[in-house]
Amino acid sequence: MLPDLGYNALICRYSDDGWYEFNVYNSGNYDIFYYDNVVAKDYKLLYRGASTAIKTGKNTNEYTAVCSGNTLTLGINGVEVRTVKSNDLKEGQVGFGLSSFDVLPIIAEFDGFAASVP
């Protein structure tokens, strides 16, 4: 198994109350979090797993996050890999991010980012 050197993040329902975060790691792992910015001021893990749909190394991946009602779905390269339920957040903004751990330099490209209302 590859070590987690960094990850891409998709964010939905970002507000002063918190957000949902879908992280996909270069190693083939992923997780889905709820960040509670009101009570706990901390991350709550909703799911952690691994998927063979993640292309590791220098390969290109396409990620989707769907936040509809209380259903949160992570898609990777056209494969729906995980759906979880959460009633914590109802609305907010979207975004994306990239993080690396102890690896420098990091080179990443984003071909695009699209947001739509289901």
N, C-alpha and C. Protein backbone atom coordinates (compact mmCIF):
# COMPACT_ATOMS: atom_id res chain seq x y z
N MET A 1 0.83 -1.18 0.00
CA MET A 1 0.00 0.00 0.00
C MET A 1 0.88 1.24 0.00
N LEU A 2 0.50 2.23 -0.78
CA LEU A 2 1.22 3.49 -0.84
C LEU A 2 0.96 4.33 0.41
N PRO A 3 1.94 5.15 0.81
CA PRO A 3 1.70 6.06 1.95
C PRO A 3 0.83 7.24 1.49
N ASP A 4 0.13 7.85 2.43
CA ASP A 4 -0.65 9.05 2.13
C ASP A 4 0.30 10.25 2.09
N LEU A 5 0.59 10.75 0.88
CA LEU A 5 1.49 11.88 0.72
C LEU A 5 0.72 13.20 0.62
N GLY A 6 -0.54 13.10 0.27
CA GLY A 6 -1.36 14.30 0.11
C GLY A 6 -2.75 13.91 -0.32
N TYR A 7 -3.61 14.90 -0.44
CA TYR A 7 -4.98 14.61 -0.84
C TYR A 7 -5.63 15.81 -1.51
N ASN A 8 -6.68 15.51 -2.26
CA ASN A 8 -7.56 16.52 -2.85
C ASN A 8 -8.83 16.54 -2.02
N ALA A 9 -9.40 17.71 -1.85
CA ALA A 9 -10.62 17.85 -1.04
C ALA A 9 -11.71 18.56 -1.84
N LEU A 10 -12.92 18.06 -1.72
CA LEU A 10 -14.10 18.74 -2.22
C LEU A 10 -14.94 19.12 -1.02
N ILE A 11 -15.46 20.34 -1.02
CA ILE A 11 -16.21 20.89 0.11
C ILE A 11 -17.62 21.21 -0.36
N CYS A 12 -18.61 20.88 0.48
CA CYS A 12 -19.97 21.33 0.19
C CYS A 12 -20.62 21.82 1.48
N ARG A 13 -21.61 22.69 1.30
CA ARG A 13 -22.39 23.28 2.40
C ARG A 13 -21.53 24.06 3.39
N TYR A 14 -20.50 24.71 2.87
CA TYR A 14 -19.61 25.53 3.70
C TYR A 14 -20.36 26.76 4.19
N SER A 15 -20.35 26.98 5.51
CA SER A 15 -20.98 28.15 6.12
C SER A 15 -20.31 28.39 7.47
N ASP A 16 -20.81 29.38 8.19
CA ASP A 16 -20.30 29.65 9.53
C ASP A 16 -20.55 28.48 10.48
N ASP A 17 -21.52 27.62 10.15
CA ASP A 17 -21.84 26.46 10.99
C ASP A 17 -20.87 25.30 10.80
N GLY A 18 -20.22 25.22 9.63
CA GLY A 18 -19.31 24.11 9.33
C GLY A 18 -19.36 23.76 7.87
N TRP A 19 -18.95 22.52 7.53
CA TRP A 19 -18.96 22.06 6.15
C TRP A 19 -18.80 20.55 6.11
N TYR A 20 -19.08 19.99 4.92
CA TYR A 20 -18.78 18.60 4.62
C TYR A 20 -17.54 18.58 3.75
N GLU A 21 -16.65 17.63 4.01
CA GLU A 21 -15.38 17.54 3.30
C GLU A 21 -15.14 16.11 2.82
N PHE A 22 -14.90 15.97 1.52
CA PHE A 22 -14.60 14.69 0.89
C PHE A 22 -13.13 14.72 0.52
N ASN A 23 -12.30 13.87 1.15
CA ASN A 23 -10.87 13.84 0.88
C ASN A 23 -10.50 12.56 0.15
N VAL A 24 -9.74 12.70 -0.94
CA VAL A 24 -9.26 11.55 -1.71
C VAL A 24 -7.74 11.62 -1.71
N TYR A 25 -7.11 10.57 -1.17
CA TYR A 25 -5.66 10.53 -0.99
C TYR A 25 -4.99 9.84 -2.17
N ASN A 26 -3.73 10.20 -2.42
CA ASN A 26 -2.96 9.62 -3.51
C ASN A 26 -2.74 8.12 -3.33
N SER A 27 -2.92 7.60 -2.14
CA SER A 27 -2.66 6.19 -1.82
C SER A 27 -3.80 5.26 -2.21
N GLY A 28 -4.97 5.82 -2.53
CA GLY A 28 -6.14 5.00 -2.80
C GLY A 28 -7.17 5.04 -1.69
N ASN A 29 -6.88 5.79 -0.63
CA ASN A 29 -7.82 5.95 0.49
C ASN A 29 -8.69 7.19 0.30
N TYR A 30 -9.79 7.25 1.03
CA TYR A 30 -10.64 8.43 1.02
C TYR A 30 -11.37 8.52 2.36
N ASP A 31 -11.85 9.70 2.68
CA ASP A 31 -12.70 9.86 3.86
C ASP A 31 -13.69 10.99 3.63
N ILE A 32 -14.75 10.95 4.42
CA ILE A 32 -15.80 11.96 4.38
C ILE A 32 -15.98 12.48 5.80
N PHE A 33 -15.89 13.81 5.96
CA PHE A 33 -15.98 14.44 7.27
C PHE A 33 -17.09 15.47 7.32
N TYR A 34 -17.57 15.72 8.52
CA TYR A 34 -18.39 16.88 8.83
C TYR A 34 -17.57 17.73 9.78
N TYR A 35 -17.33 18.99 9.44
CA TYR A 35 -16.66 19.89 10.37
C TYR A 35 -17.71 20.72 11.09
N ASP A 36 -17.78 20.55 12.39
CA ASP A 36 -18.73 21.27 13.24
C ASP A 36 -18.04 22.52 13.76
N ASN A 37 -18.43 23.68 13.25
CA ASN A 37 -17.82 24.93 13.65
C ASN A 37 -18.60 25.64 14.77
N VAL A 38 -19.65 24.99 15.30
CA VAL A 38 -20.50 25.61 16.32
C VAL A 38 -20.26 25.00 17.70
N VAL A 39 -20.48 23.71 17.84
CA VAL A 39 -20.40 23.06 19.15
C VAL A 39 -19.01 22.47 19.41
N ALA A 40 -18.63 21.47 18.62
CA ALA A 40 -17.38 20.75 18.87
C ALA A 40 -16.15 21.48 18.34
N LYS A 41 -16.33 22.30 17.31
CA LYS A 41 -15.21 22.97 16.62
C LYS A 41 -14.14 21.95 16.25
N ASP A 42 -14.61 20.85 15.63
CA ASP A 42 -13.72 19.75 15.28
C ASP A 42 -14.35 18.94 14.15
N TYR A 43 -13.53 18.06 13.57
CA TYR A 43 -13.99 17.17 12.52
C TYR A 43 -14.66 15.93 13.11
N LYS A 44 -15.75 15.50 12.48
CA LYS A 44 -16.41 14.24 12.82
C LYS A 44 -16.31 13.34 11.58
N LEU A 45 -15.67 12.20 11.73
CA LEU A 45 -15.53 11.26 10.63
C LEU A 45 -16.87 10.61 10.32
N LEU A 46 -17.32 10.74 9.08
CA LEU A 46 -18.55 10.09 8.65
C LEU A 46 -18.26 8.75 7.99
N TYR A 47 -17.12 8.65 7.28
CA TYR A 47 -16.72 7.38 6.68
C TYR A 47 -15.26 7.46 6.25
N ARG A 48 -14.56 6.33 6.35
CA ARG A 48 -13.19 6.20 5.85
C ARG A 48 -13.10 4.86 5.12
N GLY A 49 -12.48 4.88 3.95
CA GLY A 49 -12.35 3.65 3.19
C GLY A 49 -11.26 3.76 2.14
N ALA A 50 -11.26 2.80 1.23
CA ALA A 50 -10.31 2.76 0.12
C ALA A 50 -11.07 2.34 -1.13
N SER A 51 -10.54 2.72 -2.28
CA SER A 51 -11.20 2.37 -3.54
C SER A 51 -10.18 2.12 -4.63
N THR A 52 -10.41 1.06 -5.39
CA THR A 52 -9.57 0.78 -6.55
C THR A 52 -9.90 1.72 -7.71
N ALA A 53 -10.95 2.53 -7.57
CA ALA A 53 -11.29 3.52 -8.60
C ALA A 53 -10.30 4.68 -8.61
N ILE A 54 -9.55 4.86 -7.52
CA ILE A 54 -8.57 5.94 -7.45
C ILE A 54 -7.32 5.53 -8.20
N LYS A 55 -6.94 6.34 -9.19
CA LYS A 55 -5.70 6.09 -9.96
C LYS A 55 -4.56 6.74 -9.20
N THR A 56 -3.61 5.94 -8.74
CA THR A 56 -2.52 6.44 -7.91
C THR A 56 -1.37 6.95 -8.78
N GLY A 57 -0.41 7.57 -8.13
CA GLY A 57 0.76 8.09 -8.84
C GLY A 57 0.43 9.36 -9.60
N LYS A 58 0.98 9.48 -10.81
CA LYS A 58 0.80 10.70 -11.61
C LYS A 58 -0.41 10.63 -12.52
N ASN A 59 -1.29 9.70 -12.28
CA ASN A 59 -2.48 9.55 -13.10
C ASN A 59 -3.49 10.65 -12.82
N THR A 60 -4.42 10.84 -13.76
CA THR A 60 -5.47 11.84 -13.63
C THR A 60 -6.72 11.20 -13.04
N ASN A 61 -7.35 11.89 -12.11
CA ASN A 61 -8.59 11.43 -11.48
C ASN A 61 -9.66 12.50 -11.62
N GLU A 62 -10.91 12.06 -11.64
CA GLU A 62 -12.04 12.97 -11.63
C GLU A 62 -12.90 12.63 -10.42
N TYR A 63 -13.13 13.64 -9.56
CA TYR A 63 -13.88 13.45 -8.33
C TYR A 63 -15.20 14.20 -8.40
N THR A 64 -16.23 13.62 -7.80
CA THR A 64 -17.51 14.32 -7.66
C THR A 64 -18.00 14.16 -6.23
N ALA A 65 -18.63 15.21 -5.75
CA ALA A 65 -19.28 15.19 -4.44
C ALA A 65 -20.69 15.70 -4.66
N VAL A 66 -21.67 14.92 -4.26
CA VAL A 66 -23.06 15.31 -4.39
C VAL A 66 -23.65 15.42 -2.99
N CYS A 67 -24.15 16.61 -2.67
CA CYS A 67 -24.79 16.85 -1.39
C CYS A 67 -26.24 17.20 -1.69
N SER A 68 -27.12 16.24 -1.51
CA SER A 68 -28.52 16.41 -1.86
C SER A 68 -29.38 15.94 -0.69
N GLY A 69 -30.17 16.86 -0.12
CA GLY A 69 -30.94 16.51 1.07
C GLY A 69 -29.99 16.12 2.19
N ASN A 70 -30.22 14.97 2.81
CA ASN A 70 -29.31 14.50 3.86
C ASN A 70 -28.34 13.43 3.33
N THR A 71 -28.23 13.32 2.00
CA THR A 71 -27.39 12.31 1.37
C THR A 71 -26.13 12.95 0.80
N LEU A 72 -24.97 12.38 1.15
CA LEU A 72 -23.67 12.84 0.67
C LEU A 72 -23.03 11.69 -0.10
N THR A 73 -22.67 11.93 -1.37
CA THR A 73 -22.13 10.87 -2.21
C THR A 73 -20.81 11.29 -2.80
N LEU A 74 -19.81 10.40 -2.69
CA LEU A 74 -18.50 10.60 -3.29
C LEU A 74 -18.39 9.73 -4.54
N GLY A 75 -18.02 10.36 -5.65
CA GLY A 75 -17.76 9.64 -6.88
C GLY A 75 -16.32 9.82 -7.30
N ILE A 76 -15.72 8.74 -7.82
CA ILE A 76 -14.33 8.79 -8.27
C ILE A 76 -14.25 8.12 -9.63
N ASN A 77 -13.84 8.89 -10.64
CA ASN A 77 -13.67 8.37 -11.99
C ASN A 77 -14.91 7.64 -12.50
N GLY A 78 -16.07 8.23 -12.26
CA GLY A 78 -17.33 7.67 -12.75
C GLY A 78 -17.92 6.57 -11.90
N VAL A 79 -17.28 6.24 -10.78
CA VAL A 79 -17.75 5.18 -9.89
C VAL A 79 -18.27 5.83 -8.60
N GLU A 80 -19.50 5.53 -8.23
CA GLU A 80 -20.05 5.99 -6.96
C GLU A 80 -19.46 5.10 -5.87
N VAL A 81 -18.53 5.65 -5.09
CA VAL A 81 -17.80 4.80 -4.13
C VAL A 81 -18.42 4.77 -2.74
N ARG A 82 -19.12 5.86 -2.33
CA ARG A 82 -19.70 5.83 -0.99
C ARG A 82 -20.80 6.88 -0.87
N THR A 83 -21.88 6.48 -0.20
CA THR A 83 -22.95 7.39 0.16
C THR A 83 -23.17 7.29 1.66
N VAL A 84 -23.24 8.44 2.32
CA VAL A 84 -23.51 8.51 3.75
C VAL A 84 -24.66 9.48 3.98
N LYS A 85 -25.25 9.41 5.15
CA LYS A 85 -26.35 10.31 5.53
C LYS A 85 -25.88 11.22 6.65
N SER A 86 -26.31 12.49 6.58
CA SER A 86 -26.03 13.44 7.65
C SER A 86 -27.10 14.51 7.63
N ASN A 87 -27.59 14.87 8.79
CA ASN A 87 -28.63 15.90 8.92
C ASN A 87 -28.09 17.20 9.51
N ASP A 88 -26.76 17.34 9.58
CA ASP A 88 -26.17 18.48 10.28
C ASP A 88 -26.27 19.80 9.53
N LEU A 89 -26.05 19.82 8.22
CA LEU A 89 -26.04 21.06 7.46
C LEU A 89 -27.05 21.00 6.32
N LYS A 90 -27.70 22.12 6.06
CA LYS A 90 -28.75 22.16 5.03
C LYS A 90 -28.33 22.94 3.79
N GLU A 91 -27.43 23.94 3.95
CA GLU A 91 -27.05 24.77 2.81
C GLU A 91 -25.67 25.36 3.04
N GLY A 92 -25.10 25.95 1.98
CA GLY A 92 -23.80 26.58 2.07
C GLY A 92 -23.11 26.61 0.72
N GLN A 93 -21.88 27.04 0.74
CA GLN A 93 -21.06 27.20 -0.45
C GLN A 93 -20.30 25.91 -0.78
N VAL A 94 -19.61 25.90 -1.93
CA VAL A 94 -18.80 24.76 -2.34
C VAL A 94 -17.37 25.23 -2.58
N GLY A 95 -16.45 24.28 -2.63
CA GLY A 95 -15.06 24.61 -2.91
C GLY A 95 -14.21 23.36 -3.04
N PHE A 96 -12.92 23.56 -3.28
CA PHE A 96 -11.99 22.44 -3.37
C PHE A 96 -10.65 22.86 -2.80
N GLY A 97 -9.82 21.88 -2.49
CA GLY A 97 -8.51 22.16 -1.95
C GLY A 97 -7.53 21.04 -2.25
N LEU A 98 -6.29 21.29 -1.92
CA LEU A 98 -5.21 20.34 -2.12
C LEU A 98 -4.28 20.46 -0.92
N SER A 99 -3.86 19.34 -0.37
CA SER A 99 -2.93 19.35 0.76
C SER A 99 -1.84 18.32 0.53
N SER A 100 -0.64 18.66 0.98
CA SER A 100 0.44 17.68 0.99
C SER A 100 0.96 17.60 2.41
N PHE A 101 1.54 16.47 2.75
CA PHE A 101 2.05 16.30 4.09
C PHE A 101 3.51 16.73 4.14
N ASP A 102 4.45 15.81 4.17
CA ASP A 102 5.87 16.16 4.30
C ASP A 102 6.62 16.08 2.98
N VAL A 103 5.94 16.22 1.86
CA VAL A 103 6.56 16.07 0.55
C VAL A 103 6.65 17.42 -0.13
N LEU A 104 7.86 17.82 -0.50
CA LEU A 104 8.08 19.06 -1.23
C LEU A 104 9.05 18.80 -2.37
N PRO A 105 8.96 19.39 -3.48
CA PRO A 105 7.82 20.21 -3.89
C PRO A 105 6.65 19.32 -4.29
N ILE A 106 5.48 19.89 -4.30
CA ILE A 106 4.29 19.19 -4.78
C ILE A 106 3.83 19.89 -6.05
N ILE A 107 3.55 19.11 -7.07
CA ILE A 107 3.09 19.66 -8.33
C ILE A 107 1.72 19.07 -8.62
N ALA A 108 0.73 19.92 -8.78
CA ALA A 108 -0.63 19.45 -9.04
C ALA A 108 -1.28 20.35 -10.08
N GLU A 109 -2.15 19.76 -10.87
CA GLU A 109 -2.89 20.53 -11.86
C GLU A 109 -4.37 20.26 -11.67
N PHE A 110 -5.16 21.31 -11.84
CA PHE A 110 -6.61 21.19 -11.83
C PHE A 110 -7.09 21.60 -13.22
N ASP A 111 -7.74 20.69 -13.91
CA ASP A 111 -8.26 21.01 -15.24
C ASP A 111 -9.55 21.80 -15.18
N GLY A 112 -10.25 21.71 -14.07
CA GLY A 112 -11.49 22.46 -13.95
C GLY A 112 -12.21 22.13 -12.67
N PHE A 113 -13.15 23.00 -12.34
CA PHE A 113 -14.01 22.81 -11.18
C PHE A 113 -15.38 23.31 -11.58
N ALA A 114 -16.38 22.48 -11.38
CA ALA A 114 -17.75 22.85 -11.74
C ALA A 114 -18.67 22.58 -10.56
N ALA A 115 -19.61 23.47 -10.35
CA ALA A 115 -20.61 23.30 -9.30
C ALA A 115 -21.98 23.48 -9.94
N SER A 116 -22.92 22.63 -9.52
CA SER A 116 -24.28 22.74 -10.04
C SER A 116 -25.27 22.39 -8.94
N VAL A 117 -26.49 22.76 -9.15
CA VAL A 117 -27.56 22.46 -8.21
C VAL A 117 -28.30 21.24 -8.73
N PRO A 118 -28.40 20.18 -7.89
CA PRO A 118 -29.07 18.96 -8.37
C PRO A 118 -30.56 19.18 -8.60
